[in-house]
Amino acid sequence: MPLVAHNTLPTFDRLRRDGITVLSPERAAQQEIRELHVGLLNMMPDAALAATERQFYRL
């Protein structure tokens, strides 16, 4: 299931470089896919924030 980049977080660019499919909202609207909204709360310290965020997106 592809991710939809609803904002400009640097994490989305990193995931694209790692080969993960990340769609723009416009392209996602043209796809015949169902949405699944998932909420995760990242309470890691700032030093680990970006790495933890990428791990969440790869789940």
PDB file of N, CA and C in Angstrom:
ATOM      1  N   MET A   1       0.849  -1.163   0.000  1.00  0.00           N
ATOM      2  CA  MET A   1       0.000   0.000   0.000  1.00  0.00           C
ATOM      3  C   MET A   1       0.900   1.234   0.000  1.00  0.00           C
ATOM      4  N   PRO A   2       0.731   2.127  -0.966  1.00  0.00           N
ATOM      5  CA  PRO A   2       1.587   3.314  -1.019  1.00  0.00           C
ATOM      6  C   PRO A   2       1.221   4.326   0.055  1.00  0.00           C
ATOM      7  N   LEU A   3       2.194   5.136   0.397  1.00  0.00           N
ATOM      8  CA  LEU A   3       1.969   6.258   1.309  1.00  0.00           C
ATOM      9  C   LEU A   3       1.559   7.476   0.498  1.00  0.00           C
ATOM     10  N   VAL A   4       0.806   8.362   1.095  1.00  0.00           N
ATOM     11  CA  VAL A   4       0.429   9.621   0.456  1.00  0.00           C
ATOM     12  C   VAL A   4       1.084  10.749   1.239  1.00  0.00           C
ATOM     13  N   ALA A   5       1.914  11.525   0.549  1.00  0.00           N
ATOM     14  CA  ALA A   5       2.629  12.638   1.184  1.00  0.00           C
ATOM     15  C   ALA A   5       1.688  13.834   1.274  1.00  0.00           C
ATOM     16  N   HIS A   6       1.025  13.971   2.401  1.00  0.00           N
ATOM     17  CA  HIS A   6       0.063  15.049   2.587  1.00  0.00           C
ATOM     18  C   HIS A   6       0.725  16.359   3.004  1.00  0.00           C
ATOM     19  N   ASN A   7       2.035  16.331   3.257  1.00  0.00           N
ATOM     20  CA  ASN A   7       2.789  17.550   3.568  1.00  0.00           C
ATOM     21  C   ASN A   7       4.226  17.359   3.080  1.00  0.00           C
ATOM     22  N   THR A   8       5.102  18.290   3.384  1.00  0.00           N
ATOM     23  CA  THR A   8       6.465  18.258   2.840  1.00  0.00           C
ATOM     24  C   THR A   8       7.497  17.823   3.870  1.00  0.00           C
ATOM     25  N   LEU A   9       7.183  16.817   4.652  1.00  0.00           N
ATOM     26  CA  LEU A   9       8.154  16.315   5.625  1.00  0.00           C
ATOM     27  C   LEU A   9       9.386  15.753   4.912  1.00  0.00           C
ATOM     28  N   PRO A  10      10.585  16.003   5.433  1.00  0.00           N
ATOM     29  CA  PRO A  10      11.792  15.437   4.834  1.00  0.00           C
ATOM     30  C   PRO A  10      11.775  13.905   4.822  1.00  0.00           C
ATOM     31  N   THR A  11      11.003  13.323   5.709  1.00  0.00           N
ATOM     32  CA  THR A  11      10.919  11.864   5.775  1.00  0.00           C
ATOM     33  C   THR A  11      10.409  11.279   4.467  1.00  0.00           C
ATOM     34  N   PHE A  12       9.465  11.940   3.813  1.00  0.00           N
ATOM     35  CA  PHE A  12       8.930  11.420   2.557  1.00  0.00           C
ATOM     36  C   PHE A  12      10.009  11.372   1.478  1.00  0.00           C
ATOM     37  N   ASP A  13      10.876  12.396   1.412  1.00  0.00           N
ATOM     38  CA  ASP A  13      11.978  12.379   0.446  1.00  0.00           C
ATOM     39  C   ASP A  13      12.930  11.225   0.733  1.00  0.00           C
ATOM     40  N   ARG A  14      13.227  10.993   1.979  1.00  0.00           N
ATOM     41  CA  ARG A  14      14.121   9.893   2.365  1.00  0.00           C
ATOM     42  C   ARG A  14      13.511   8.542   1.995  1.00  0.00           C
ATOM     43  N   LEU A  15      12.223   8.379   2.226  1.00  0.00           N
ATOM     44  CA  LEU A  15      11.557   7.126   1.870  1.00  0.00           C
ATOM     45  C   LEU A  15      11.570   6.904   0.359  1.00  0.00           C
ATOM     46  N   ARG A  16      11.375   7.971  -0.420  1.00  0.00           N
ATOM     47  CA  ARG A  16      11.452   7.839  -1.885  1.00  0.00           C
ATOM     48  C   ARG A  16      12.841   7.377  -2.309  1.00  0.00           C
ATOM     49  N   ARG A  17      13.878   7.957  -1.713  1.00  0.00           N
ATOM     50  CA  ARG A  17      15.251   7.549  -2.043  1.00  0.00           C
ATOM     51  C   ARG A  17      15.498   6.090  -1.677  1.00  0.00           C
ATOM     52  N   ASP A  18      14.813   5.607  -0.639  1.00  0.00           N
ATOM     53  CA  ASP A  18      14.963   4.216  -0.211  1.00  0.00           C
ATOM     54  C   ASP A  18      14.086   3.258  -1.009  1.00  0.00           C
ATOM     55  N   GLY A  19      13.350   3.778  -1.999  1.00  0.00           N
ATOM     56  CA  GLY A  19      12.557   2.918  -2.869  1.00  0.00           C
ATOM     57  C   GLY A  19      11.126   2.678  -2.425  1.00  0.00           C
ATOM     58  N   ILE A  20      10.648   3.413  -1.424  1.00  0.00           N
ATOM     59  CA  ILE A  20       9.271   3.277  -0.954  1.00  0.00           C
ATOM     60  C   ILE A  20       8.364   4.125  -1.851  1.00  0.00           C
ATOM     61  N   THR A  21       7.205   3.597  -2.236  1.00  0.00           N
ATOM     62  CA  THR A  21       6.265   4.336  -3.066  1.00  0.00           C
ATOM     63  C   THR A  21       5.545   5.386  -2.228  1.00  0.00           C
ATOM     64  N   VAL A  22       5.733   6.652  -2.615  1.00  0.00           N
ATOM     65  CA  VAL A  22       5.077   7.773  -1.932  1.00  0.00           C
ATOM     66  C   VAL A  22       4.364   8.592  -3.008  1.00  0.00           C
ATOM     67  N   LEU A  23       3.047   8.690  -2.900  1.00  0.00           N
ATOM     68  CA  LEU A  23       2.251   9.408  -3.886  1.00  0.00           C
ATOM     69  C   LEU A  23       1.943  10.826  -3.417  1.00  0.00           C
ATOM     70  N   SER A  24       1.773  11.723  -4.377  1.00  0.00           N
ATOM     71  CA  SER A  24       1.269  13.059  -4.053  1.00  0.00           C
ATOM     72  C   SER A  24      -0.242  12.942  -3.841  1.00  0.00           C
ATOM     73  N   PRO A  25      -0.852  13.871  -3.124  1.00  0.00           N
ATOM     74  CA  PRO A  25      -2.306  13.801  -2.933  1.00  0.00           C
ATOM     75  C   PRO A  25      -3.078  13.824  -4.257  1.00  0.00           C
ATOM     76  N   GLU A  26      -2.566  14.567  -5.234  1.00  0.00           N
ATOM     77  CA  GLU A  26      -3.228  14.639  -6.536  1.00  0.00           C
ATOM     78  C   GLU A  26      -3.201  13.285  -7.239  1.00  0.00           C
ATOM     79  N   ARG A  27      -2.047  12.639  -7.217  1.00  0.00           N
ATOM     80  CA  ARG A  27      -1.930  11.329  -7.868  1.00  0.00           C
ATOM     81  C   ARG A  27      -2.745  10.276  -7.120  1.00  0.00           C
ATOM     82  N   ALA A  28      -2.773  10.356  -5.807  1.00  0.00           N
ATOM     83  CA  ALA A  28      -3.548   9.401  -5.013  1.00  0.00           C
ATOM     84  C   ALA A  28      -5.037   9.530  -5.319  1.00  0.00           C
ATOM     85  N   ALA A  29      -5.507  10.744  -5.585  1.00  0.00           N
ATOM     86  CA  ALA A  29      -6.921  10.954  -5.897  1.00  0.00           C
ATOM     87  C   ALA A  29      -7.309  10.287  -7.209  1.00  0.00           C
ATOM     88  N   GLN A  30      -6.345  10.068  -8.103  1.00  0.00           N
ATOM     89  CA  GLN A  30      -6.609   9.431  -9.393  1.00  0.00           C
ATOM     90  C   GLN A  30      -6.537   7.909  -9.324  1.00  0.00           C
ATOM     91  N   GLN A  31      -6.037   7.378  -8.227  1.00  0.00           N
ATOM     92  CA  GLN A  31      -5.882   5.933  -8.069  1.00  0.00           C
ATOM     93  C   GLN A  31      -7.179   5.319  -7.547  1.00  0.00           C
ATOM     94  N   GLU A  32      -7.377   4.064  -7.863  1.00  0.00           N
ATOM     95  CA  GLU A  32      -8.537   3.345  -7.326  1.00  0.00           C
ATOM     96  C   GLU A  32      -8.082   2.550  -6.111  1.00  0.00           C
ATOM     97  N   ILE A  33      -7.817   3.279  -5.037  1.00  0.00           N
ATOM     98  CA  ILE A  33      -7.375   2.655  -3.793  1.00  0.00           C
ATOM     99  C   ILE A  33      -8.240   3.163  -2.650  1.00  0.00           C
ATOM    100  N   ARG A  34      -8.370   2.363  -1.633  1.00  0.00           N
ATOM    101  CA  ARG A  34      -9.095   2.791  -0.437  1.00  0.00           C
ATOM    102  C   ARG A  34      -8.096   3.379   0.548  1.00  0.00           C
ATOM    103  N   GLU A  35      -8.527   4.390   1.252  1.00  0.00           N
ATOM    104  CA  GLU A  35      -7.651   5.036   2.229  1.00  0.00           C
ATOM    105  C   GLU A  35      -7.717   4.319   3.563  1.00  0.00           C
ATOM    106  N   LEU A  36      -6.587   4.294   4.221  1.00  0.00           N
ATOM    107  CA  LEU A  36      -6.508   3.798   5.588  1.00  0.00           C
ATOM    108  C   LEU A  36      -5.770   4.856   6.391  1.00  0.00           C
ATOM    109  N   HIS A  37      -6.432   5.475   7.327  1.00  0.00           N
ATOM    110  CA  HIS A  37      -5.819   6.504   8.161  1.00  0.00           C
ATOM    111  C   HIS A  37      -5.330   5.859   9.448  1.00  0.00           C
ATOM    112  N   VAL A  38      -4.054   6.059   9.750  1.00  0.00           N
ATOM    113  CA  VAL A  38      -3.446   5.496  10.950  1.00  0.00           C
ATOM    114  C   VAL A  38      -2.814   6.639  11.732  1.00  0.00           C
ATOM    115  N   GLY A  39      -3.051   6.672  13.011  1.00  0.00           N
ATOM    116  CA  GLY A  39      -2.448   7.699  13.861  1.00  0.00           C
ATOM    117  C   GLY A  39      -1.433   7.083  14.808  1.00  0.00           C
ATOM    118  N   LEU A  40      -0.226   7.616  14.810  1.00  0.00           N
ATOM    119  CA  LEU A  40       0.834   7.169  15.710  1.00  0.00           C
ATOM    120  C   LEU A  40       1.386   8.382  16.447  1.00  0.00           C
ATOM    121  N   LEU A  41       1.710   8.208  17.691  1.00  0.00           N
ATOM    122  CA  LEU A  41       2.264   9.286  18.503  1.00  0.00           C
ATOM    123  C   LEU A  41       3.738   9.008  18.752  1.00  0.00           C
ATOM    124  N   ASN A  42       4.608   9.878  18.247  1.00  0.00           N
ATOM    125  CA  ASN A  42       6.048   9.713  18.387  1.00  0.00           C
ATOM    126  C   ASN A  42       6.524  10.585  19.544  1.00  0.00           C
ATOM    127  N   MET A  43       6.888   9.958  20.651  1.00  0.00           N
ATOM    128  CA  MET A  43       7.351  10.702  21.824  1.00  0.00           C
ATOM    129  C   MET A  43       8.847  10.503  22.059  1.00  0.00           C
ATOM    130  N   MET A  44       9.574  10.177  21.003  1.00  0.00           N
ATOM    131  CA  MET A  44      11.015   9.993  21.116  1.00  0.00           C
ATOM    132  C   MET A  44      11.694  11.359  21.255  1.00  0.00           C
ATOM    133  N   PRO A  45      12.883  11.395  21.863  1.00  0.00           N
ATOM    134  CA  PRO A  45      13.633  12.658  21.949  1.00  0.00           C
ATOM    135  C   PRO A  45      13.994  13.160  20.547  1.00  0.00           C
ATOM    136  N   ASP A  46      14.283  14.443  20.439  1.00  0.00           N
ATOM    137  CA  ASP A  46      14.582  15.048  19.138  1.00  0.00           C
ATOM    138  C   ASP A  46      15.691  14.326  18.385  1.00  0.00           C
ATOM    139  N   ALA A  47      16.672  13.806  19.078  1.00  0.00           N
ATOM    140  CA  ALA A  47      17.792  13.134  18.410  1.00  0.00           C
ATOM    141  C   ALA A  47      17.336  11.896  17.645  1.00  0.00           C
ATOM    142  N   ALA A  48      16.291  11.242  18.087  1.00  0.00           N
ATOM    143  CA  ALA A  48      15.819  10.009  17.453  1.00  0.00           C
ATOM    144  C   ALA A  48      14.527  10.215  16.675  1.00  0.00           C
ATOM    145  N   LEU A  49      14.037  11.432  16.605  1.00  0.00           N
ATOM    146  CA  LEU A  49      12.730  11.701  16.014  1.00  0.00           C
ATOM    147  C   LEU A  49      12.646  11.282  14.549  1.00  0.00           C
ATOM    148  N   ALA A  50      13.577  11.719  13.713  1.00  0.00           N
ATOM    149  CA  ALA A  50      13.510  11.427  12.279  1.00  0.00           C
ATOM    150  C   ALA A  50      13.626   9.932  12.003  1.00  0.00           C
ATOM    151  N   ALA A  51      14.543   9.261  12.665  1.00  0.00           N
ATOM    152  CA  ALA A  51      14.711   7.820  12.445  1.00  0.00           C
ATOM    153  C   ALA A  51      13.468   7.052  12.882  1.00  0.00           C
ATOM    154  N   THR A  52      12.890   7.437  13.996  1.00  0.00           N
ATOM    155  CA  THR A  52      11.680   6.767  14.478  1.00  0.00           C
ATOM    156  C   THR A  52      10.515   7.018  13.536  1.00  0.00           C
ATOM    157  N   GLU A  53      10.429   8.218  13.005  1.00  0.00           N
ATOM    158  CA  GLU A  53       9.370   8.550  12.059  1.00  0.00           C
ATOM    159  C   GLU A  53       9.466   7.670  10.818  1.00  0.00           C
ATOM    160  N   ARG A  54      10.675   7.486  10.289  1.00  0.00           N
ATOM    161  CA  ARG A  54      10.857   6.609   9.127  1.00  0.00           C
ATOM    162  C   ARG A  54      10.470   5.177   9.454  1.00  0.00           C
ATOM    163  N   GLN A  55      10.787   4.713  10.642  1.00  0.00           N
ATOM    164  CA  GLN A  55      10.408   3.356  11.042  1.00  0.00           C
ATOM    165  C   GLN A  55       8.893   3.215  11.101  1.00  0.00           C
ATOM    166  N   PHE A  56       8.196   4.218  11.582  1.00  0.00           N
ATOM    167  CA  PHE A  56       6.732   4.187  11.606  1.00  0.00           C
ATOM    168  C   PHE A  56       6.179   4.046  10.195  1.00  0.00           C
ATOM    169  N   TYR A  57       6.701   4.832   9.257  1.00  0.00           N
ATOM    170  CA  TYR A  57       6.184   4.811   7.889  1.00  0.00           C
ATOM    171  C   TYR A  57       6.455   3.485   7.193  1.00  0.00           C
ATOM    172  N   ARG A  58       7.471   2.782   7.608  1.00  0.00           N
ATOM    173  CA  ARG A  58       7.799   1.497   6.980  1.00  0.00           C
ATOM    174  C   ARG A  58       6.995   0.330   7.533  1.00  0.00           C
ATOM    175  N   LEU A  59       6.224   0.552   8.578  1.00  0.00           N
ATOM    176  CA  LEU A  59       5.428  -0.536   9.158  1.00  0.00           C
ATOM    177  C   LEU A  59       4.481  -1.145   8.161  1.00  0.00           C
TER     178      LEU A  59
END
